[in-house]
Protein backbone atom coordinates (compact mmCIF):
# COMPACT_ATOMS: atom_id res chain seq x y z
CA MET A 1 155.93 -140.67 110.05
CA LYS A 2 153.17 -139.93 107.25
CA PHE A 3 153.68 -137.53 104.70
CA THR A 4 150.46 -135.61 105.89
CA TYR A 5 152.44 -134.79 109.04
CA TYR A 6 154.88 -132.93 106.88
CA LEU A 7 152.38 -131.16 105.20
CA GLU A 8 150.52 -129.98 108.16
CA LYS A 9 153.58 -128.20 109.24
CA ILE A 10 153.96 -126.02 106.35
CA SER A 11 151.91 -122.60 106.35
CA GLY A 12 150.06 -121.93 103.28
CA VAL A 13 149.96 -125.46 101.68
CA SER A 14 146.51 -125.41 100.93
CA VAL A 15 147.45 -122.90 98.27
CA TYR A 16 149.26 -125.25 96.16
CA PRO A 17 146.13 -127.52 95.23
CA ILE A 18 144.20 -124.43 94.11
CA PHE A 19 147.17 -123.26 91.75
CA SER A 20 147.50 -126.85 90.43
CA LEU A 21 143.92 -126.80 89.51
CA VAL A 22 143.90 -123.39 87.99
CA THR A 23 146.86 -124.06 85.90
CA PHE A 24 145.52 -127.38 84.49
CA VAL A 25 142.23 -125.99 83.73
CA VAL A 26 143.85 -122.70 82.06
CA PHE A 27 146.25 -125.00 79.98
CA PHE A 28 143.41 -127.30 79.23
CA LEU A 29 141.09 -124.20 77.73
CA LEU A 30 143.93 -122.74 75.78
CA VAL A 31 144.82 -125.95 74.13
CA THR A 32 141.23 -126.47 73.48
CA PHE A 33 140.64 -123.01 72.06
CA TRP A 34 143.66 -123.61 69.77
CA VAL A 35 142.47 -126.85 68.23
CA MET A 36 139.15 -125.35 67.72
CA GLY A 37 140.85 -122.16 66.00
CA LYS A 38 142.97 -124.35 63.48
CA ASP A 39 141.57 -124.75 60.00
CA LYS A 40 140.45 -128.03 58.57
CA LYS A 41 143.38 -128.14 55.92
CA SER A 42 146.07 -127.76 58.65
CA ILE A 43 144.89 -130.40 60.63
CA GLU A 44 144.75 -132.55 57.59
CA HIS A 45 148.41 -131.88 57.01
CA LEU A 46 149.34 -132.58 60.51
CA GLU A 47 147.41 -135.92 60.26
CA ASN A 48 149.30 -136.84 57.13
CA LEU A 49 152.74 -135.94 58.61
CA PRO A 50 153.47 -139.48 59.40
CA PHE A 51 152.66 -140.90 56.08
CA GLU A 52 154.65 -138.42 54.05
CA ASP A 53 157.96 -139.58 52.45
CA ASN A 54 160.23 -136.44 52.21
CA LYS A 55 163.44 -137.99 51.01
C-alpha cells in the first residue's frame, strides 16, 4: 500500500501542510526582522568571533 492511502483515511489531514507553511513563514519573518533590527557593531562582533583568541 502507498503512503497516500493512509493519509486519505485520516480526517482533517489537510490542516498539517497549512500549519507547516504558516509556521515556516512566521519563523522566517521573525528571523528576518531580528537580523534587520540588529545594529552593525553587533553583527561585526558576531562575524569576528571565530577569529578572536580568548586564551
